[in-house]
Amino acid sequence: MPPVILFALIGAAGIAGYKIWSGLMDQAQSLRGKDASQMRRATAPVRDLGNLEWDEGSGVYRPRAKRET
């Protein structure tokens, strides 16, 4: 009878370990998906602003105004 109890305890520990491991893997996958979506947003196509010129007033580069000739 003691071997049956031992096998039952080992089986229960295995099932509990599997459930814990499975939960951790699901959590890791969801975090990985969030990181991937953030990376896609961060590397989105950049708009082409054309030629830039320095704006002394604000201290940043701005798109050059189109001049009519």
PDB file of N, CA and C in Angstrom:
ATOM      1  N   MET A   1       0.803  -1.202   0.000  1.00  0.00           N
ATOM      2  CA  MET A   1       0.000   0.000   0.000  1.00  0.00           C
ATOM      3  C   MET A   1       0.855   1.280   0.000  1.00  0.00           C
ATOM      4  N   PRO A   2       1.977   1.307   0.750  1.00  0.00           N
ATOM      5  CA  PRO A   2       2.793   2.514   0.741  1.00  0.00           C
ATOM      6  C   PRO A   2       3.305   2.922  -0.648  1.00  0.00           C
ATOM      7  N   PRO A   3       3.650   1.989  -1.554  1.00  0.00           N
ATOM      8  CA  PRO A   3       4.079   2.430  -2.883  1.00  0.00           C
ATOM      9  C   PRO A   3       2.969   3.158  -3.646  1.00  0.00           C
ATOM     10  N   VAL A   4       1.720   2.751  -3.433  1.00  0.00           N
ATOM     11  CA  VAL A   4       0.600   3.414  -4.100  1.00  0.00           C
ATOM     12  C   VAL A   4       0.482   4.849  -3.614  1.00  0.00           C
ATOM     13  N   ILE A   5       0.630   5.057  -2.324  1.00  0.00           N
ATOM     14  CA  ILE A   5       0.564   6.411  -1.756  1.00  0.00           C
ATOM     15  C   ILE A   5       1.723   7.245  -2.288  1.00  0.00           C
ATOM     16  N   LEU A   6       2.899   6.643  -2.365  1.00  0.00           N
ATOM     17  CA  LEU A   6       4.070   7.351  -2.883  1.00  0.00           C
ATOM     18  C   LEU A   6       3.849   7.768  -4.335  1.00  0.00           C
ATOM     19  N   PHE A   7       3.347   6.867  -5.167  1.00  0.00           N
ATOM     20  CA  PHE A   7       3.076   7.194  -6.571  1.00  0.00           C
ATOM     21  C   PHE A   7       1.992   8.265  -6.701  1.00  0.00           C
ATOM     22  N   ALA A   8       0.993   8.221  -5.838  1.00  0.00           N
ATOM     23  CA  ALA A   8      -0.057   9.237  -5.858  1.00  0.00           C
ATOM     24  C   ALA A   8       0.513  10.603  -5.497  1.00  0.00           C
ATOM     25  N   LEU A   9       1.389  10.653  -4.498  1.00  0.00           N
ATOM     26  CA  LEU A   9       2.019  11.920  -4.121  1.00  0.00           C
ATOM     27  C   LEU A   9       2.916  12.452  -5.241  1.00  0.00           C
ATOM     28  N   ILE A  10       3.673  11.570  -5.873  1.00  0.00           N
ATOM     29  CA  ILE A  10       4.530  11.982  -6.988  1.00  0.00           C
ATOM     30  C   ILE A  10       3.678  12.490  -8.149  1.00  0.00           C
ATOM     31  N   GLY A  11       2.582  11.814  -8.434  1.00  0.00           N
ATOM     32  CA  GLY A  11       1.677  12.251  -9.500  1.00  0.00           C
ATOM     33  C   GLY A  11       1.058  13.603  -9.198  1.00  0.00           C
ATOM     34  N   ALA A  12       0.616  13.795  -7.947  1.00  0.00           N
ATOM     35  CA  ALA A  12       0.014  15.086  -7.571  1.00  0.00           C
ATOM     36  C   ALA A  12       1.042  16.206  -7.656  1.00  0.00           C
ATOM     37  N   ALA A  13       2.272  15.927  -7.231  1.00  0.00           N
ATOM     38  CA  ALA A  13       3.330  16.941  -7.318  1.00  0.00           C
ATOM     39  C   ALA A  13       3.645  17.253  -8.775  1.00  0.00           C
ATOM     40  N   GLY A  14       3.633  16.243  -9.625  1.00  0.00           N
ATOM     41  CA  GLY A  14       3.886  16.456 -11.055  1.00  0.00           C
ATOM     42  C   GLY A  14       2.809  17.314 -11.704  1.00  0.00           C
ATOM     43  N   ILE A  15       1.563  17.025 -11.366  1.00  0.00           N
ATOM     44  CA  ILE A  15       0.459  17.816 -11.922  1.00  0.00           C
ATOM     45  C   ILE A  15       0.528  19.262 -11.428  1.00  0.00           C
ATOM     46  N   ALA A  16       0.793  19.450 -10.141  1.00  0.00           N
ATOM     47  CA  ALA A  16       0.908  20.809  -9.602  1.00  0.00           C
ATOM     48  C   ALA A  16       2.072  21.551 -10.253  1.00  0.00           C
ATOM     49  N   GLY A  17       3.194  20.863 -10.419  1.00  0.00           N
ATOM     50  CA  GLY A  17       4.348  21.478 -11.064  1.00  0.00           C
ATOM     51  C   GLY A  17       4.052  21.864 -12.499  1.00  0.00           C
ATOM     52  N   TYR A  18       3.344  20.999 -13.214  1.00  0.00           N
ATOM     53  CA  TYR A  18       2.967  21.300 -14.595  1.00  0.00           C
ATOM     54  C   TYR A  18       2.063  22.518 -14.674  1.00  0.00           C
ATOM     55  N   LYS A  19       1.091  22.620 -13.763  1.00  0.00           N
ATOM     56  CA  LYS A  19       0.179  23.770 -13.768  1.00  0.00           C
ATOM     57  C   LYS A  19       0.934  25.074 -13.479  1.00  0.00           C
ATOM     58  N   ILE A  20       1.854  25.027 -12.542  1.00  0.00           N
ATOM     59  CA  ILE A  20       2.652  26.219 -12.231  1.00  0.00           C
ATOM     60  C   ILE A  20       3.500  26.605 -13.435  1.00  0.00           C
ATOM     61  N   TRP A  21       4.171  25.614 -14.029  1.00  0.00           N
ATOM     62  CA  TRP A  21       5.025  25.856 -15.189  1.00  0.00           C
ATOM     63  C   TRP A  21       4.200  26.415 -16.357  1.00  0.00           C
ATOM     64  N   SER A  22       3.044  25.849 -16.589  1.00  0.00           N
ATOM     65  CA  SER A  22       2.174  26.303 -17.666  1.00  0.00           C
ATOM     66  C   SER A  22       1.728  27.751 -17.436  1.00  0.00           C
ATOM     67  N   GLY A  23       1.383  28.093 -16.215  1.00  0.00           N
ATOM     68  CA  GLY A  23       0.985  29.470 -15.900  1.00  0.00           C
ATOM     69  C   GLY A  23       2.125  30.454 -16.116  1.00  0.00           C
ATOM     70  N   LEU A  24       3.325  30.062 -15.734  1.00  0.00           N
ATOM     71  CA  LEU A  24       4.481  30.934 -15.947  1.00  0.00           C
ATOM     72  C   LEU A  24       4.770  31.136 -17.438  1.00  0.00           C
ATOM     73  N   MET A  25       4.615  30.090 -18.229  1.00  0.00           N
ATOM     74  CA  MET A  25       4.846  30.202 -19.672  1.00  0.00           C
ATOM     75  C   MET A  25       3.782  31.083 -20.331  1.00  0.00           C
ATOM     76  N   ASP A  26       2.538  30.975 -19.886  1.00  0.00           N
ATOM     77  CA  ASP A  26       1.480  31.846 -20.419  1.00  0.00           C
ATOM     78  C   ASP A  26       1.771  33.304 -20.092  1.00  0.00           C
ATOM     79  N   GLN A  27       2.227  33.553 -18.879  1.00  0.00           N
ATOM     80  CA  GLN A  27       2.557  34.915 -18.474  1.00  0.00           C
ATOM     81  C   GLN A  27       3.720  35.443 -19.300  1.00  0.00           C
ATOM     82  N   ALA A  28       4.727  34.640 -19.537  1.00  0.00           N
ATOM     83  CA  ALA A  28       5.875  35.063 -20.332  1.00  0.00           C
ATOM     84  C   ALA A  28       5.456  35.351 -21.769  1.00  0.00           C
ATOM     85  N   GLN A  29       4.566  34.543 -22.335  1.00  0.00           N
ATOM     86  CA  GLN A  29       4.093  34.767 -23.701  1.00  0.00           C
ATOM     87  C   GLN A  29       3.317  36.072 -23.805  1.00  0.00           C
ATOM     88  N   SER A  30       2.489  36.376 -22.811  1.00  0.00           N
ATOM     89  CA  SER A  30       1.716  37.611 -22.874  1.00  0.00           C
ATOM     90  C   SER A  30       2.629  38.828 -22.761  1.00  0.00           C
ATOM     91  N   LEU A  31       3.655  38.744 -21.922  1.00  0.00           N
ATOM     92  CA  LEU A  31       4.608  39.846 -21.826  1.00  0.00           C
ATOM     93  C   LEU A  31       5.398  39.996 -23.115  1.00  0.00           C
ATOM     94  N   ARG A  32       5.730  38.878 -23.736  1.00  0.00           N
ATOM     95  CA  ARG A  32       6.465  38.932 -24.994  1.00  0.00           C
ATOM     96  C   ARG A  32       5.617  39.580 -26.082  1.00  0.00           C
ATOM     97  N   GLY A  33       4.319  39.271 -26.094  1.00  0.00           N
ATOM     98  CA  GLY A  33       3.417  39.877 -27.072  1.00  0.00           C
ATOM     99  C   GLY A  33       3.299  41.375 -26.866  1.00  0.00           C
ATOM    100  N   LYS A  34       3.250  41.820 -25.614  1.00  0.00           N
ATOM    101  CA  LYS A  34       3.179  43.252 -25.329  1.00  0.00           C
ATOM    102  C   LYS A  34       4.454  43.949 -25.775  1.00  0.00           C
ATOM    103  N   ASP A  35       5.609  43.315 -25.521  1.00  0.00           N
ATOM    104  CA  ASP A  35       6.880  43.898 -25.942  1.00  0.00           C
ATOM    105  C   ASP A  35       6.967  43.989 -27.458  1.00  0.00           C
ATOM    106  N   ALA A  36       6.483  42.987 -28.142  1.00  0.00           N
ATOM    107  CA  ALA A  36       6.520  42.991 -29.598  1.00  0.00           C
ATOM    108  C   ALA A  36       5.644  44.110 -30.158  1.00  0.00           C
ATOM    109  N   SER A  37       4.460  44.308 -29.582  1.00  0.00           N
ATOM    110  CA  SER A  37       3.593  45.370 -30.082  1.00  0.00           C
ATOM    111  C   SER A  37       4.189  46.744 -29.796  1.00  0.00           C
ATOM    112  N   GLN A  38       4.839  46.904 -28.655  1.00  0.00           N
ATOM    113  CA  GLN A  38       5.501  48.175 -28.363  1.00  0.00           C
ATOM    114  C   GLN A  38       6.653  48.414 -29.330  1.00  0.00           C
ATOM    115  N   MET A  39       7.374  47.371 -29.694  1.00  0.00           N
ATOM    116  CA  MET A  39       8.479  47.507 -30.631  1.00  0.00           C
ATOM    117  C   MET A  39       7.963  47.885 -32.013  1.00  0.00           C
ATOM    118  N   ARG A  40       6.834  47.300 -32.433  1.00  0.00           N
ATOM    119  CA  ARG A  40       6.271  47.656 -33.734  1.00  0.00           C
ATOM    120  C   ARG A  40       5.861  49.120 -33.760  1.00  0.00           C
ATOM    121  N   ARG A  41       5.273  49.608 -32.659  1.00  0.00           N
ATOM    122  CA  ARG A  41       4.885  51.019 -32.611  1.00  0.00           C
ATOM    123  C   ARG A  41       6.110  51.925 -32.609  1.00  0.00           C
ATOM    124  N   ALA A  42       7.164  51.508 -31.915  1.00  0.00           N
ATOM    125  CA  ALA A  42       8.368  52.336 -31.824  1.00  0.00           C
ATOM    126  C   ALA A  42       9.104  52.404 -33.151  1.00  0.00           C
ATOM    127  N   THR A  43       8.986  51.369 -33.976  1.00  0.00           N
ATOM    128  CA  THR A  43       9.693  51.341 -35.250  1.00  0.00           C
ATOM    129  C   THR A  43       8.754  51.604 -36.419  1.00  0.00           C
ATOM    130  N   ALA A  44       7.676  52.313 -36.179  1.00  0.00           N
ATOM    131  CA  ALA A  44       6.720  52.623 -37.235  1.00  0.00           C
ATOM    132  C   ALA A  44       7.412  53.494 -38.291  1.00  0.00           C
ATOM    133  N   PRO A  45       6.915  53.460 -39.515  1.00  0.00           N
ATOM    134  CA  PRO A  45       7.539  54.268 -40.568  1.00  0.00           C
ATOM    135  C   PRO A  45       7.596  55.746 -40.177  1.00  0.00           C
ATOM    136  N   VAL A  46       8.690  56.367 -40.525  1.00  0.00           N
ATOM    137  CA  VAL A  46       8.911  57.768 -40.191  1.00  0.00           C
ATOM    138  C   VAL A  46       8.499  58.626 -41.372  1.00  0.00           C
ATOM    139  N   ARG A  47       7.818  59.714 -41.088  1.00  0.00           N
ATOM    140  CA  ARG A  47       7.415  60.619 -42.163  1.00  0.00           C
ATOM    141  C   ARG A  47       8.633  61.336 -42.719  1.00  0.00           C
ATOM    142  N   ASP A  48       8.648  61.539 -44.013  1.00  0.00           N
ATOM    143  CA  ASP A  48       9.712  62.302 -44.640  1.00  0.00           C
ATOM    144  C   ASP A  48       9.310  63.775 -44.600  1.00  0.00           C
ATOM    145  N   LEU A  49      10.040  64.560 -43.843  1.00  0.00           N
ATOM    146  CA  LEU A  49       9.722  65.977 -43.705  1.00  0.00           C
ATOM    147  C   LEU A  49      10.440  66.834 -44.741  1.00  0.00           C
ATOM    148  N   GLY A  50      11.229  66.210 -45.588  1.00  0.00           N
ATOM    149  CA  GLY A  50      11.965  66.972 -46.594  1.00  0.00           C
ATOM    150  C   GLY A  50      13.160  67.659 -45.960  1.00  0.00           C
ATOM    151  N   ASN A  51      13.560  68.780 -46.544  1.00  0.00           N
ATOM    152  CA  ASN A  51      14.695  69.538 -46.013  1.00  0.00           C
ATOM    153  C   ASN A  51      14.295  70.260 -44.743  1.00  0.00           C
ATOM    154  N   LEU A  52      15.194  70.263 -43.785  1.00  0.00           N
ATOM    155  CA  LEU A  52      14.936  70.927 -42.517  1.00  0.00           C
ATOM    156  C   LEU A  52      15.826  72.152 -42.378  1.00  0.00           C
ATOM    157  N   GLU A  53      15.352  73.108 -41.633  1.00  0.00           N
ATOM    158  CA  GLU A  53      16.179  74.279 -41.324  1.00  0.00           C
ATOM    159  C   GLU A  53      16.062  74.574 -39.837  1.00  0.00           C
ATOM    160  N   TRP A  54      17.110  75.159 -39.288  1.00  0.00           N
ATOM    161  CA  TRP A  54      17.186  75.444 -37.861  1.00  0.00           C
ATOM    162  C   TRP A  54      16.294  76.632 -37.527  1.00  0.00           C
ATOM    163  N   ASP A  55      15.455  76.487 -36.522  1.00  0.00           N
ATOM    164  CA  ASP A  55      14.588  77.562 -36.042  1.00  0.00           C
ATOM    165  C   ASP A  55      15.226  78.115 -34.771  1.00  0.00           C
ATOM    166  N   GLU A  56      15.791  79.309 -34.880  1.00  0.00           N
ATOM    167  CA  GLU A  56      16.495  79.915 -33.737  1.00  0.00           C
ATOM    168  C   GLU A  56      15.552  80.177 -32.564  1.00  0.00           C
ATOM    169  N   GLY A  57      14.334  80.563 -32.850  1.00  0.00           N
ATOM    170  CA  GLY A  57      13.394  80.910 -31.789  1.00  0.00           C
ATOM    171  C   GLY A  57      13.088  79.738 -30.863  1.00  0.00           C
ATOM    172  N   SER A  58      12.815  78.590 -31.434  1.00  0.00           N
ATOM    173  CA  SER A  58      12.458  77.441 -30.601  1.00  0.00           C
ATOM    174  C   SER A  58      13.632  76.498 -30.360  1.00  0.00           C
ATOM    175  N   GLY A  59      14.691  76.637 -31.131  1.00  0.00           N
ATOM    176  CA  GLY A  59      15.872  75.807 -30.941  1.00  0.00           C
ATOM    177  C   GLY A  59      15.705  74.388 -31.449  1.00  0.00           C
ATOM    178  N   VAL A  60      14.880  74.197 -32.469  1.00  0.00           N
ATOM    179  CA  VAL A  60      14.696  72.875 -33.064  1.00  0.00           C
ATOM    180  C   VAL A  60      14.716  73.001 -34.584  1.00  0.00           C
ATOM    181  N   TYR A  61      14.879  71.861 -35.242  1.00  0.00           N
ATOM    182  CA  TYR A  61      14.789  71.846 -36.696  1.00  0.00           C
ATOM    183  C   TYR A  61      13.332  71.759 -37.110  1.00  0.00           C
ATOM    184  N   ARG A  62      12.966  72.511 -38.122  1.00  0.00           N
ATOM    185  CA  ARG A  62      11.604  72.520 -38.665  1.00  0.00           C
ATOM    186  C   ARG A  62      11.674  72.256 -40.166  1.00  0.00           C
ATOM    187  N   PRO A  63      10.583  71.745 -40.747  1.00  0.00           N
ATOM    188  CA  PRO A  63      10.580  71.587 -42.206  1.00  0.00           C
ATOM    189  C   PRO A  63      10.738  72.951 -42.879  1.00  0.00           C
ATOM    190  N   ARG A  64      11.545  72.964 -43.917  1.00  0.00           N
ATOM    191  CA  ARG A  64      11.783  74.214 -44.640  1.00  0.00           C
ATOM    192  C   ARG A  64      10.505  74.642 -45.340  1.00  0.00           C
ATOM    193  N   ALA A  65      10.184  75.918 -45.200  1.00  0.00           N
ATOM    194  CA  ALA A  65       8.978  76.458 -45.834  1.00  0.00           C
ATOM    195  C   ALA A  65       9.185  76.451 -47.347  1.00  0.00           C
ATOM    196  N   LYS A  66       8.159  76.063 -48.078  1.00  0.00           N
ATOM    197  CA  LYS A  66       8.253  76.063 -49.540  1.00  0.00           C
ATOM    198  C   LYS A  66       8.206  77.496 -50.027  1.00  0.00           C
ATOM    199  N   ARG A  67       9.180  77.835 -50.828  1.00  0.00           N
ATOM    200  CA  ARG A  67       9.251  79.208 -51.362  1.00  0.00           C
ATOM    201  C   ARG A  67       8.785  79.206 -52.800  1.00  0.00           C
ATOM    202  N   GLU A  68       7.925  80.120 -53.128  1.00  0.00           N
ATOM    203  CA  GLU A  68       7.468  80.245 -54.515  1.00  0.00           C
ATOM    204  C   GLU A  68       8.423  81.139 -55.261  1.00  0.00           C
ATOM    205  N   THR A  69       8.797  80.706 -56.461  1.00  0.00           N
ATOM    206  CA  THR A  69       9.733  81.509 -57.268  1.00  0.00           C
ATOM    207  C   THR A  69       9.050  82.108 -58.442  1.00  0.00           C
TER     208      THR A  69
END
